[in-house]
PDB file of all heavy atoms in Angstrom:
ATOM      1  N   PRO A   1     102.312  99.454  70.850  1.00  0.00           N
ATOM      2  CA  PRO A   1     103.444  98.635  70.957  1.00  0.00           C
ATOM      3  C   PRO A   1     103.418  97.420  70.167  1.00  0.00           C
ATOM      4  O   PRO A   1     104.429  96.725  69.863  1.00  0.00           O
ATOM      5  CB  PRO A   1     103.673  98.346  72.366  1.00  0.00           C
ATOM      6  CG  PRO A   1     102.288  98.423  72.937  1.00  0.00           C
ATOM      7  CD  PRO A   1     101.581  99.511  72.151  1.00  0.00           C
ATOM      8  N   ASN A   2     102.250  96.852  69.747  1.00  0.00           N
ATOM      9  CA  ASN A   2     102.123  95.700  69.054  1.00  0.00           C
ATOM     10  C   ASN A   2     100.946  95.635  68.200  1.00  0.00           C
ATOM     11  O   ASN A   2     100.100  96.613  68.074  1.00  0.00           O
ATOM     12  CB  ASN A   2     102.229  94.452  69.925  1.00  0.00           C
ATOM     13  CG  ASN A   2     101.083  94.457  70.984  1.00  0.00           C
ATOM     14  OD1 ASN A   2      99.986  94.750  70.691  1.00  0.00           O
ATOM     15  ND2 ASN A   2     101.557  94.183  72.209  1.00  0.00           N
ATOM     16  N   ALA A   3     100.792  94.538  67.489  1.00  0.00           N
ATOM     17  CA  ALA A   3      99.612  94.371  66.552  1.00  0.00           C
ATOM     18  C   ALA A   3      98.422  93.647  67.190  1.00  0.00           C
ATOM     19  O   ALA A   3      97.619  93.071  66.384  1.00  0.00           O
ATOM     20  CB  ALA A   3     100.086  93.681  65.239  1.00  0.00           C
ATOM     21  N   GLU A   4      98.327  93.607  68.430  1.00  0.00           N
ATOM     22  CA  GLU A   4      97.417  92.813  69.114  1.00  0.00           C
ATOM     23  C   GLU A   4      96.009  93.423  69.145  1.00  0.00           C
ATOM     24  O   GLU A   4      94.887  92.722  69.466  1.00  0.00           O
ATOM     25  CB  GLU A   4      97.696  92.608  70.523  1.00  0.00           C
ATOM     26  CG  GLU A   4      98.846  91.561  70.713  1.00  0.00           C
ATOM     27  CD  GLU A   4      98.426  90.273  70.254  1.00  0.00           C
ATOM     28  OE1 GLU A   4      97.329  89.740  70.757  1.00  0.00           O
ATOM     29  OE2 GLU A   4      99.009  89.579  69.389  1.00  0.00           O
ATOM     30  N   ARG A   5      95.704  94.646  68.716  1.00  0.00           N
ATOM     31  CA  ARG A   5      94.405  95.285  68.726  1.00  0.00           C
ATOM     32  C   ARG A   5      93.622  94.925  67.365  1.00  0.00           C
ATOM     33  O   ARG A   5      93.133  95.796  66.814  1.00  0.00           O
ATOM     34  CB  ARG A   5      94.612  96.742  68.929  1.00  0.00           C
ATOM     35  CG  ARG A   5      94.709  97.109  70.307  1.00  0.00           C
ATOM     36  CD  ARG A   5      94.801  98.615  70.530  1.00  0.00           C
ATOM     37  NE  ARG A   5      94.800  99.067  71.885  1.00  0.00           N
ATOM     38  CZ  ARG A   5      95.894  99.068  72.724  1.00  0.00           C
ATOM     39  NH1 ARG A   5      97.038  98.538  72.211  1.00  0.00           N
ATOM     40  NH2 ARG A   5      95.759  99.494  73.832  1.00  0.00           N
ATOM     41  N   HIS A   6      93.707  93.674  67.072  1.00  0.00           N
ATOM     42  CA  HIS A   6      92.828  93.163  65.995  1.00  0.00           C
ATOM     43  C   HIS A   6      91.773  92.325  66.604  1.00  0.00           C
ATOM     44  O   HIS A   6      91.903  91.965  67.798  1.00  0.00           O
ATOM     45  CB  HIS A   6      93.592  92.422  64.867  1.00  0.00           C
ATOM     46  CG  HIS A   6      94.361  91.192  65.422  1.00  0.00           C
ATOM     47  ND1 HIS A   6      93.713  89.966  65.391  1.00  0.00           N
ATOM     48  CD2 HIS A   6      95.517  91.020  65.924  1.00  0.00           C
ATOM     49  CE1 HIS A   6      94.584  89.117  65.917  1.00  0.00           C
ATOM     50  NE2 HIS A   6      95.596  89.701  66.265  1.00  0.00           N
ATOM     51  N   LEU A   7      90.747  91.899  65.914  1.00  0.00           N
ATOM     52  CA  LEU A   7      89.720  91.010  66.359  1.00  0.00           C
ATOM     53  C   LEU A   7      90.325  89.637  66.622  1.00  0.00           C
ATOM     54  O   LEU A   7      91.065  89.062  65.828  1.00  0.00           O
ATOM     55  CB  LEU A   7      88.565  90.887  65.322  1.00  0.00           C
ATOM     56  CG  LEU A   7      87.636  92.052  65.299  1.00  0.00           C
ATOM     57  CD1 LEU A   7      86.607  92.015  64.138  1.00  0.00           C
ATOM     58  CD2 LEU A   7      86.785  92.237  66.642  1.00  0.00           C
ATOM     59  N   HIS A   8      89.968  89.103  67.718  1.00  0.00           N
ATOM     60  CA  HIS A   8      90.263  87.696  68.219  1.00  0.00           C
ATOM     61  C   HIS A   8      89.047  86.985  68.291  1.00  0.00           C
ATOM     62  O   HIS A   8      87.944  87.379  68.508  1.00  0.00           O
ATOM     63  CB  HIS A   8      91.079  87.668  69.509  1.00  0.00           C
ATOM     64  CG  HIS A   8      92.416  88.467  69.315  1.00  0.00           C
ATOM     65  ND1 HIS A   8      93.574  87.806  68.945  1.00  0.00           N
ATOM     66  CD2 HIS A   8      92.689  89.684  69.755  1.00  0.00           C
ATOM     67  CE1 HIS A   8      94.545  88.758  69.067  1.00  0.00           C
ATOM     68  NE2 HIS A   8      94.027  89.875  69.469  1.00  0.00           N
ATOM     69  N   SER A   9      89.135  85.501  68.289  1.00  0.00           N
ATOM     70  CA  SER A   9      88.045  84.713  68.333  1.00  0.00           C
ATOM     71  C   SER A   9      87.462  84.741  69.849  1.00  0.00           C
ATOM     72  O   SER A   9      88.156  85.150  70.775  1.00  0.00           O
ATOM     73  CB  SER A   9      88.350  83.276  68.116  1.00  0.00           C
ATOM     74  OG  SER A   9      89.188  82.819  69.020  1.00  0.00           O
ATOM     75  N   PRO A  10      86.290  84.526  69.973  1.00  0.00           N
ATOM     76  CA  PRO A  10      85.583  84.436  71.362  1.00  0.00           C
ATOM     77  C   PRO A  10      86.462  83.470  72.345  1.00  0.00           C
ATOM     78  O   PRO A  10      86.684  83.815  73.574  1.00  0.00           O
ATOM     79  CB  PRO A  10      84.187  83.895  71.119  1.00  0.00           C
ATOM     80  CG  PRO A  10      83.854  84.370  69.779  1.00  0.00           C
ATOM     81  CD  PRO A  10      85.164  84.220  68.948  1.00  0.00           C
ATOM     82  N   GLU A  11      86.859  82.361  71.723  1.00  0.00           N
ATOM     83  CA  GLU A  11      87.600  81.330  72.518  1.00  0.00           C
ATOM     84  C   GLU A  11      88.909  82.033  72.989  1.00  0.00           C
ATOM     85  O   GLU A  11      89.350  81.779  74.243  1.00  0.00           O
ATOM     86  CB  GLU A  11      87.862  80.139  71.762  1.00  0.00           C
ATOM     87  CG  GLU A  11      86.505  79.388  71.459  1.00  0.00           C
ATOM     88  CD  GLU A  11      85.671  79.910  70.357  1.00  0.00           C
ATOM     89  OE1 GLU A  11      86.243  80.820  69.522  1.00  0.00           O
ATOM     90  OE2 GLU A  11      84.460  79.626  70.299  1.00  0.00           O
ATOM     91  N   GLU A  12      89.640  82.683  72.113  1.00  0.00           N
ATOM     92  CA  GLU A  12      90.958  83.277  72.473  1.00  0.00           C
ATOM     93  C   GLU A  12      90.747  84.387  73.569  1.00  0.00           C
ATOM     94  O   GLU A  12      91.571  84.497  74.536  1.00  0.00           O
ATOM     95  CB  GLU A  12      91.581  83.941  71.212  1.00  0.00           C
ATOM     96  CG  GLU A  12      92.761  84.813  71.475  1.00  0.00           C
ATOM     97  CD  GLU A  12      93.883  84.056  72.102  1.00  0.00           C
ATOM     98  OE1 GLU A  12      93.993  82.861  72.094  1.00  0.00           O
ATOM     99  OE2 GLU A  12      94.844  84.696  72.746  1.00  0.00           O
ATOM    100  N   MET A  13      89.627  85.239  73.392  1.00  0.00           N
ATOM    101  CA  MET A  13      89.485  86.163  74.500  1.00  0.00           C
ATOM    102  C   MET A  13      89.158  85.663  75.765  1.00  0.00           C
ATOM    103  O   MET A  13      89.563  86.095  76.864  1.00  0.00           O
ATOM    104  CB  MET A  13      88.485  87.174  73.949  1.00  0.00           C
ATOM    105  CG  MET A  13      88.788  88.054  72.782  1.00  0.00           C
ATOM    106  SD  MET A  13      90.267  89.158  73.092  1.00  0.00           S
ATOM    107  CE  MET A  13      89.730  90.119  74.362  1.00  0.00           C
ATOM    108  N   ALA A  14      88.348  84.525  75.751  1.00  0.00           N
ATOM    109  CA  ALA A  14      88.078  83.895  77.075  1.00  0.00           C
ATOM    110  C   ALA A  14      89.268  83.262  77.536  1.00  0.00           C
ATOM    111  O   ALA A  14      89.331  83.310  78.923  1.00  0.00           O
ATOM    112  CB  ALA A  14      86.885  82.808  76.853  1.00  0.00           C
ATOM    113  N   ARG A  15      90.108  82.771  76.844  1.00  0.00           N
ATOM    114  CA  ARG A  15      91.390  82.317  77.309  1.00  0.00           C
ATOM    115  C   ARG A  15      92.249  83.317  77.946  1.00  0.00           C
ATOM    116  O   ARG A  15      92.915  83.001  78.955  1.00  0.00           O
ATOM    117  CB  ARG A  15      92.215  81.479  76.142  1.00  0.00           C
ATOM    118  CG  ARG A  15      93.477  80.882  76.665  1.00  0.00           C
ATOM    119  CD  ARG A  15      94.314  80.398  75.438  1.00  0.00           C
ATOM    120  NE  ARG A  15      94.890  81.654  74.784  1.00  0.00           N
ATOM    121  CZ  ARG A  15      95.813  82.301  75.082  1.00  0.00           C
ATOM    122  NH1 ARG A  15      96.514  82.047  76.318  1.00  0.00           N
ATOM    123  NH2 ARG A  15      96.297  83.321  74.548  1.00  0.00           N
ATOM    124  N   ARG A  16      92.321  84.419  77.370  1.00  0.00           N
ATOM    125  CA  ARG A  16      93.221  85.564  77.828  1.00  0.00           C
ATOM    126  C   ARG A  16      92.720  86.028  79.292  1.00  0.00           C
ATOM    127  O   ARG A  16      93.574  86.529  80.069  1.00  0.00           O
ATOM    128  CB  ARG A  16      93.236  86.654  76.926  1.00  0.00           C
ATOM    129  CG  ARG A  16      93.914  86.455  75.666  1.00  0.00           C
ATOM    130  CD  ARG A  16      94.065  87.704  74.770  1.00  0.00           C
ATOM    131  NE  ARG A  16      94.819  87.399  73.617  1.00  0.00           N
ATOM    132  CZ  ARG A  16      95.404  88.309  72.813  1.00  0.00           C
ATOM    133  NH1 ARG A  16      95.178  89.619  73.106  1.00  0.00           N
ATOM    134  NH2 ARG A  16      96.055  88.047  71.746  1.00  0.00           N
ATOM    135  N   PHE A  17      91.433  85.919  79.483  1.00  0.00           N
ATOM    136  CA  PHE A  17      90.838  86.400  80.792  1.00  0.00           C
ATOM    137  C   PHE A  17      90.500  85.156  81.635  1.00  0.00           C
ATOM    138  O   PHE A  17      89.509  85.410  82.430  1.00  0.00           O
ATOM    139  CB  PHE A  17      89.689  87.282  80.523  1.00  0.00           C
ATOM    140  CG  PHE A  17      90.197  88.647  79.944  1.00  0.00           C
ATOM    141  CD1 PHE A  17      90.322  88.895  78.656  1.00  0.00           C
ATOM    142  CD2 PHE A  17      90.444  89.792  80.814  1.00  0.00           C
ATOM    143  CE1 PHE A  17      90.760  90.180  78.140  1.00  0.00           C
ATOM    144  CE2 PHE A  17      90.903  90.956  80.454  1.00  0.00           C
ATOM    145  CZ  PHE A  17      91.032  91.249  79.022  1.00  0.00           C
ATOM    146  N   ARG A  18      91.095  84.211  81.417  1.00  0.00           N
ATOM    147  CA  ARG A  18      90.579  82.887  82.134  1.00  0.00           C
ATOM    148  C   ARG A  18      90.774  83.068  83.704  1.00  0.00           C
ATOM    149  O   ARG A  18      90.025  82.335  84.548  1.00  0.00           O
ATOM    150  CB  ARG A  18      91.321  81.636  81.622  1.00  0.00           C
ATOM    151  CG  ARG A  18      92.775  81.617  81.753  1.00  0.00           C
ATOM    152  CD  ARG A  18      93.436  80.397  81.224  1.00  0.00           C
ATOM    153  NE  ARG A  18      94.830  80.296  81.330  1.00  0.00           N
ATOM    154  CZ  ARG A  18      95.717  80.875  80.370  1.00  0.00           C
ATOM    155  NH1 ARG A  18      95.125  81.660  79.364  1.00  0.00           N
ATOM    156  NH2 ARG A  18      97.030  80.943  80.545  1.00  0.00           N
ATOM    157  N   ASP A  19      91.648  83.886  84.075  1.00  0.00           N
ATOM    158  CA  ASP A  19      91.843  84.165  85.520  1.00  0.00           C
ATOM    159  C   ASP A  19      90.816  85.113  86.165  1.00  0.00           C
ATOM    160  O   ASP A  19      90.736  85.330  87.325  1.00  0.00           O
ATOM    161  CB  ASP A  19      93.193  84.664  85.883  1.00  0.00           C
ATOM    162  CG  ASP A  19      93.464  86.021  85.128  1.00  0.00           C
ATOM    163  OD1 ASP A  19      93.093  86.143  83.999  1.00  0.00           O
ATOM    164  OD2 ASP A  19      94.077  86.840  85.685  1.00  0.00           O
ATOM    165  N   LEU A  20      90.016  85.768  85.196  1.00  0.00           N
ATOM    166  CA  LEU A  20      88.957  86.684  85.653  1.00  0.00           C
ATOM    167  C   LEU A  20      87.692  86.277  84.906  1.00  0.00           C
ATOM    168  O   LEU A  20      87.188  86.944  83.998  1.00  0.00           O
ATOM    169  CB  LEU A  20      89.282  88.249  85.273  1.00  0.00           C
ATOM    170  CG  LEU A  20      90.532  88.742  86.012  1.00  0.00           C
ATOM    171  CD1 LEU A  20      90.980  90.091  85.309  1.00  0.00           C
ATOM    172  CD2 LEU A  20      90.249  88.892  87.504  1.00  0.00           C
ATOM    173  N   PRO A  21      87.137  85.171  85.190  1.00  0.00           N
ATOM    174  CA  PRO A  21      85.922  84.683  84.460  1.00  0.00           C
ATOM    175  C   PRO A  21      84.667  85.563  84.494  1.00  0.00           C
ATOM    176  O   PRO A  21      83.947  85.622  83.650  1.00  0.00           O
ATOM    177  CB  PRO A  21      85.636  83.300  85.164  1.00  0.00           C
ATOM    178  CG  PRO A  21      86.285  83.421  86.630  1.00  0.00           C
ATOM    179  CD  PRO A  21      87.458  84.216  86.328  1.00  0.00           C
ATOM    180  N   ASN A  22      84.566  86.401  85.621  1.00  0.00           N
ATOM    181  CA  ASN A  22      83.476  87.359  85.632  1.00  0.00           C
ATOM    182  C   ASN A  22      83.657  88.416  84.678  1.00  0.00           C
ATOM    183  O   ASN A  22      82.624  89.089  84.217  1.00  0.00           O
ATOM    184  CB  ASN A  22      83.305  87.951  87.060  1.00  0.00           C
ATOM    185  CG  ASN A  22      84.531  88.487  87.636  1.00  0.00           C
ATOM    186  OD1 ASN A  22      85.687  88.158  87.170  1.00  0.00           O
ATOM    187  ND2 ASN A  22      84.413  89.400  88.605  1.00  0.00           N
ATOM    188  N   ALA A  23      84.970  88.809  84.247  1.00  0.00           N
ATOM    189  CA  ALA A  23      85.104  89.809  83.110  1.00  0.00           C
ATOM    190  C   ALA A  23      84.664  89.432  81.952  1.00  0.00           C
ATOM    191  O   ALA A  23      84.182  90.092  81.103  1.00  0.00           O
ATOM    192  CB  ALA A  23      86.576  90.232  83.056  1.00  0.00           C
ATOM    193  N   VAL A  24      84.657  87.985  81.622  1.00  0.00           N
ATOM    194  CA  VAL A  24      84.070  87.371  80.412  1.00  0.00           C
ATOM    195  C   VAL A  24      82.639  87.252  80.486  1.00  0.00           C
ATOM    196  O   VAL A  24      81.759  87.618  79.555  1.00  0.00           O
ATOM    197  CB  VAL A  24      84.831  86.086  80.177  1.00  0.00           C
ATOM    198  CG1 VAL A  24      84.191  85.412  78.915  1.00  0.00           C
ATOM    199  CG2 VAL A  24      86.269  86.327  80.039  1.00  0.00           C
ATOM    200  N   THR A  25      82.175  86.816  81.612  1.00  0.00           N
ATOM    201  CA  THR A  25      80.673  86.550  81.846  1.00  0.00           C
ATOM    202  C   THR A  25      79.916  87.902  81.676  1.00  0.00           C
ATOM    203  O   THR A  25      78.861  87.956  81.192  1.00  0.00           O
ATOM    204  CB  THR A  25      80.480  86.059  83.157  1.00  0.00           C
ATOM    205  OG1 THR A  25      81.135  84.731  83.313  1.00  0.00           O
ATOM    206  CG2 THR A  25      78.850  85.678  83.365  1.00  0.00           C
ATOM    207  N   ASN A  26      80.601  88.981  82.185  1.00  0.00           N
ATOM    208  CA  ASN A  26      79.970  90.284  82.045  1.00  0.00           C
ATOM    209  C   ASN A  26      79.840  90.766  80.564  1.00  0.00           C
ATOM    210  O   ASN A  26      78.917  91.552  80.417  1.00  0.00           O
ATOM    211  CB  ASN A  26      80.724  91.350  82.949  1.00  0.00           C
ATOM    212  CG  ASN A  26      80.501  91.192  84.415  1.00  0.00           C
ATOM    213  OD1 ASN A  26      79.375  90.673  84.810  1.00  0.00           O
ATOM    214  ND2 ASN A  26      81.274  91.722  85.136  1.00  0.00           N
ATOM    215  N   THR A  27      80.643  90.325  79.749  1.00  0.00           N
ATOM    216  CA  THR A  27      80.365  90.649  78.276  1.00  0.00           C
ATOM    217  C   THR A  27      79.145  90.108  77.796  1.00  0.00           C
ATOM    218  O   THR A  27      78.275  90.751  77.056  1.00  0.00           O
ATOM    219  CB  THR A  27      81.496  90.149  77.369  1.00  0.00           C
ATOM    220  OG1 THR A  27      81.446  88.750  77.299  1.00  0.00           O
ATOM    221  CG2 THR A  27      82.889  90.663  77.914  1.00  0.00           C
ATOM    222  N   LEU A  28      78.646  88.905  78.383  1.00  0.00           N
ATOM    223  CA  LEU A  28      77.430  88.312  77.873  1.00  0.00           C
ATOM    224  C   LEU A  28      76.230  89.035  78.647  1.00  0.00           C
ATOM    225  O   LEU A  28      75.192  89.257  77.981  1.00  0.00           O
ATOM    226  CB  LEU A  28      77.443  86.776  78.276  1.00  0.00           C
ATOM    227  CG  LEU A  28      78.630  85.975  77.879  1.00  0.00           C
ATOM    228  CD1 LEU A  28      78.477  84.492  78.332  1.00  0.00           C
ATOM    229  CD2 LEU A  28      78.820  86.159  76.378  1.00  0.00           C
ATOM    230  N   ARG A  29      76.558  89.361  79.815  1.00  0.00           N
ATOM    231  CA  ARG A  29      75.503  90.100  80.569  1.00  0.00           C
ATOM    232  C   ARG A  29      75.094  91.408  79.953  1.00  0.00           C
ATOM    233  O   ARG A  29      73.970  91.701  79.701  1.00  0.00           O
ATOM    234  CB  ARG A  29      75.846  90.266  82.048  1.00  0.00           C
ATOM    235  CG  ARG A  29      74.800  90.927  82.890  1.00  0.00           C
ATOM    236  CD  ARG A  29      75.252  90.985  84.404  1.00  0.00           C
ATOM    237  NE  ARG A  29      75.268  89.718  84.993  1.00  0.00           N
ATOM    238  CZ  ARG A  29      76.319  88.997  85.351  1.00  0.00           C
ATOM    239  NH1 ARG A  29      77.609  89.596  85.250  1.00  0.00           N
ATOM    240  NH2 ARG A  29      76.317  87.736  85.864  1.00  0.00           N
ATOM    241  N   ILE A  30      76.096  92.202  79.560  1.00  0.00           N
ATOM    242  CA  ILE A  30      75.939  93.453  78.883  1.00  0.00           C
ATOM    243  C   ILE A  30      75.258  93.231  77.511  1.00  0.00           C
ATOM    244  O   ILE A  30      74.359  93.996  77.205  1.00  0.00           O
ATOM    245  CB  ILE A  30      77.230  94.185  78.721  1.00  0.00           C
ATOM    246  CG1 ILE A  30      77.765  94.593  80.110  1.00  0.00           C
ATOM    247  CG2 ILE A  30      77.088  95.470  77.926  1.00  0.00           C
ATOM    248  CD1 ILE A  30      79.144  95.178  80.110  1.00  0.00           C
ATOM    249  N   ALA A  31      75.757  92.217  76.769  1.00  0.00           N
ATOM    250  CA  ALA A  31      75.060  91.999  75.445  1.00  0.00           C
ATOM    251  C   ALA A  31      73.504  91.613  75.608  1.00  0.00           C
ATOM    252  O   ALA A  31      72.727  92.067  74.825  1.00  0.00           O
ATOM    253  CB  ALA A  31      75.867  90.879  74.824  1.00  0.00           C
ATOM    254  N   ASP A  32      73.244  90.907  76.667  1.00  0.00           N
ATOM    255  CA  ASP A  32      71.919  90.574  76.973  1.00  0.00           C
ATOM    256  C   ASP A  32      71.041  91.835  77.167  1.00  0.00           C
ATOM    257  O   ASP A  32      69.846  91.923  76.915  1.00  0.00           O
ATOM    258  CB  ASP A  32      71.714  89.723  78.269  1.00  0.00           C
ATOM    259  CG  ASP A  32      71.921  88.203  77.779  1.00  0.00           C
ATOM    260  OD1 ASP A  32      71.810  87.884  76.599  1.00  0.00           O
ATOM    261  OD2 ASP A  32      71.997  87.371  78.770  1.00  0.00           O
ATOM    262  N   ALA A  33      71.650  92.819  77.899  1.00  0.00           N
ATOM    263  CA  ALA A  33      70.894  94.054  78.185  1.00  0.00           C
ATOM    264  C   ALA A  33      70.721  95.007  77.036  1.00  0.00           C
ATOM    265  O   ALA A  33      69.786  95.783  77.005  1.00  0.00           O
ATOM    266  CB  ALA A  33      71.686  94.798  79.324  1.00  0.00           C
ATOM    267  N   CYS A  34      71.641  94.942  76.091  1.00  0.00           N
ATOM    268  CA  CYS A  34      71.649  95.829  74.891  1.00  0.00           C
ATOM    269  C   CYS A  34      70.732  95.178  73.827  1.00  0.00           C
ATOM    270  O   CYS A  34      71.322  94.599  72.932  1.00  0.00           O
ATOM    271  CB  CYS A  34      72.994  96.042  74.433  1.00  0.00           C
ATOM    272  SG  CYS A  34      74.031  96.929  75.664  1.00  0.00           S
ATOM    273  N   VAL A  35      69.527  95.300  74.010  1.00  0.00           N
ATOM    274  CA  VAL A  35      68.516  94.743  73.067  1.00  0.00           C
ATOM    275  C   VAL A  35      68.319  95.602  71.841  1.00  0.00           C
ATOM    276  O   VAL A  35      67.715  95.187  70.819  1.00  0.00           O
ATOM    277  CB  VAL A  35      67.274  94.394  73.783  1.00  0.00           C
ATOM    278  CG1 VAL A  35      67.555  93.385  74.828  1.00  0.00           C
ATOM    279  CG2 VAL A  35      66.497  95.601  74.259  1.00  0.00           C
ATOM    280  N   PHE A  36      68.784  96.843  71.845  1.00  0.00           N
ATOM    281  CA  PHE A  36      68.429  97.785  70.820  1.00  0.00           C
ATOM    282  C   PHE A  36      69.219  97.481  69.450  1.00  0.00           C
ATOM    283  O   PHE A  36      70.355  97.133  69.572  1.00  0.00           O
ATOM    284  CB  PHE A  36      68.713  99.247  71.188  1.00  0.00           C
ATOM    285  CG  PHE A  36      68.426 100.161  70.069  1.00  0.00           C
ATOM    286  CD1 PHE A  36      67.136 100.858  69.779  1.00  0.00           C
ATOM    287  CD2 PHE A  36      69.443 100.617  69.292  1.00  0.00           C
ATOM    288  CE1 PHE A  36      67.033 101.661  68.857  1.00  0.00           C
ATOM    289  CE2 PHE A  36      69.287 101.581  68.277  1.00  0.00           C
ATOM    290  CZ  PHE A  36      68.120 102.117  68.101  1.00  0.00           C
ATOM    291  N   THR A  37      68.517  97.508  68.380  1.00  0.00           N
ATOM    292  CA  THR A  37      69.199  97.595  67.074  1.00  0.00           C
ATOM    293  C   THR A  37      68.577  98.654  66.230  1.00  0.00           C
ATOM    294  O   THR A  37      67.416  99.183  66.541  1.00  0.00           O
ATOM    295  CB  THR A  37      69.063  96.175  66.333  1.00  0.00           C
ATOM    296  OG1 THR A  37      67.669  96.105  65.736  1.00  0.00           O
ATOM    297  CG2 THR A  37      69.350  95.012  67.217  1.00  0.00           C
ATOM    298  N   LEU A  38      69.174  98.981  65.083  1.00  0.00           N
ATOM    299  CA  LEU A  38      68.605  99.947  64.198  1.00  0.00           C
ATOM    300  C   LEU A  38      67.169  99.637  63.737  1.00  0.00           C
ATOM    301  O   LEU A  38      66.454 100.440  63.243  1.00  0.00           O
ATOM    302  CB  LEU A  38      69.516 100.271  63.088  1.00  0.00           C
ATOM    303  CG  LEU A  38      70.836 101.012  63.405  1.00  0.00           C
ATOM    304  CD1 LEU A  38      71.585 101.524  62.162  1.00  0.00           C
ATOM    305  CD2 LEU A  38      70.641 102.198  64.289  1.00  0.00           C
ATOM    306  N   GLU A  39      66.850  98.340  63.724  1.00  0.00           N
ATOM    307  CA  GLU A  39      65.673  97.932  63.177  1.00  0.00           C
ATOM    308  C   GLU A  39      64.522  98.452  64.166  1.00  0.00           C
ATOM    309  O   GLU A  39      63.240  98.436  63.758  1.00  0.00           O
ATOM    310  CB  GLU A  39      65.583  96.440  63.083  1.00  0.00           C
ATOM    311  CG  GLU A  39      66.599  95.928  62.029  1.00  0.00           C
ATOM    312  CD  GLU A  39      66.505  94.398  61.841  1.00  0.00           C
ATOM    313  OE1 GLU A  39      65.696  93.690  62.637  1.00  0.00           O
ATOM    314  OE2 GLU A  39      67.257  93.757  61.135  1.00  0.00           O
ATOM    315  N   ASP A  40      64.910  98.834  65.425  1.00  0.00           N
ATOM    316  CA  ASP A  40      63.894  99.108  66.428  1.00  0.00           C
ATOM    317  C   ASP A  40      63.708 100.634  66.322  1.00  0.00           C
ATOM    318  O   ASP A  40      62.944 101.243  67.137  1.00  0.00           O
ATOM    319  CB  ASP A  40      64.386  98.817  67.751  1.00  0.00           C
ATOM    320  CG  ASP A  40      64.608  97.271  68.048  1.00  0.00           C
ATOM    321  OD1 ASP A  40      63.803  96.541  67.346  1.00  0.00           O
ATOM    322  OD2 ASP A  40      65.579  96.886  68.594  1.00  0.00           O
ATOM    323  N   LEU A  41      64.339 101.469  65.444  1.00  0.00           N
ATOM    324  CA  LEU A  41      64.477 102.764  65.450  1.00  0.00           C
ATOM    325  C   LEU A  41      63.048 103.359  65.312  1.00  0.00           C
ATOM    326  O   LEU A  41      62.663 104.233  66.025  1.00  0.00           O
ATOM    327  CB  LEU A  41      65.375 103.317  64.417  1.00  0.00           C
ATOM    328  CG  LEU A  41      65.774 104.762  64.694  1.00  0.00           C
ATOM    329  CD1 LEU A  41      66.434 105.070  65.951  1.00  0.00           C
ATOM    330  CD2 LEU A  41      66.834 105.148  63.515  1.00  0.00           C
ATOM    331  N   GLY A  42      62.372 102.829  64.256  1.00  0.00           N
ATOM    332  CA  GLY A  42      60.990 103.313  64.060  1.00  0.00           C
ATOM    333  C   GLY A  42      60.818 104.851  63.942  1.00  0.00           C
ATOM    334  O   GLY A  42      59.872 105.429  64.407  1.00  0.00           O
TER     335      GLY A  42
END
């Protein structure tokens, strides 16, 4: 319905979910858990 599915800044996304702070905090928690990169492929 609109053009909103483009990349937004971290600050804008945190603002959009300011009523659900744990939804934002969980993005950081998941990122912390995802330690793998292609450099680790070996």
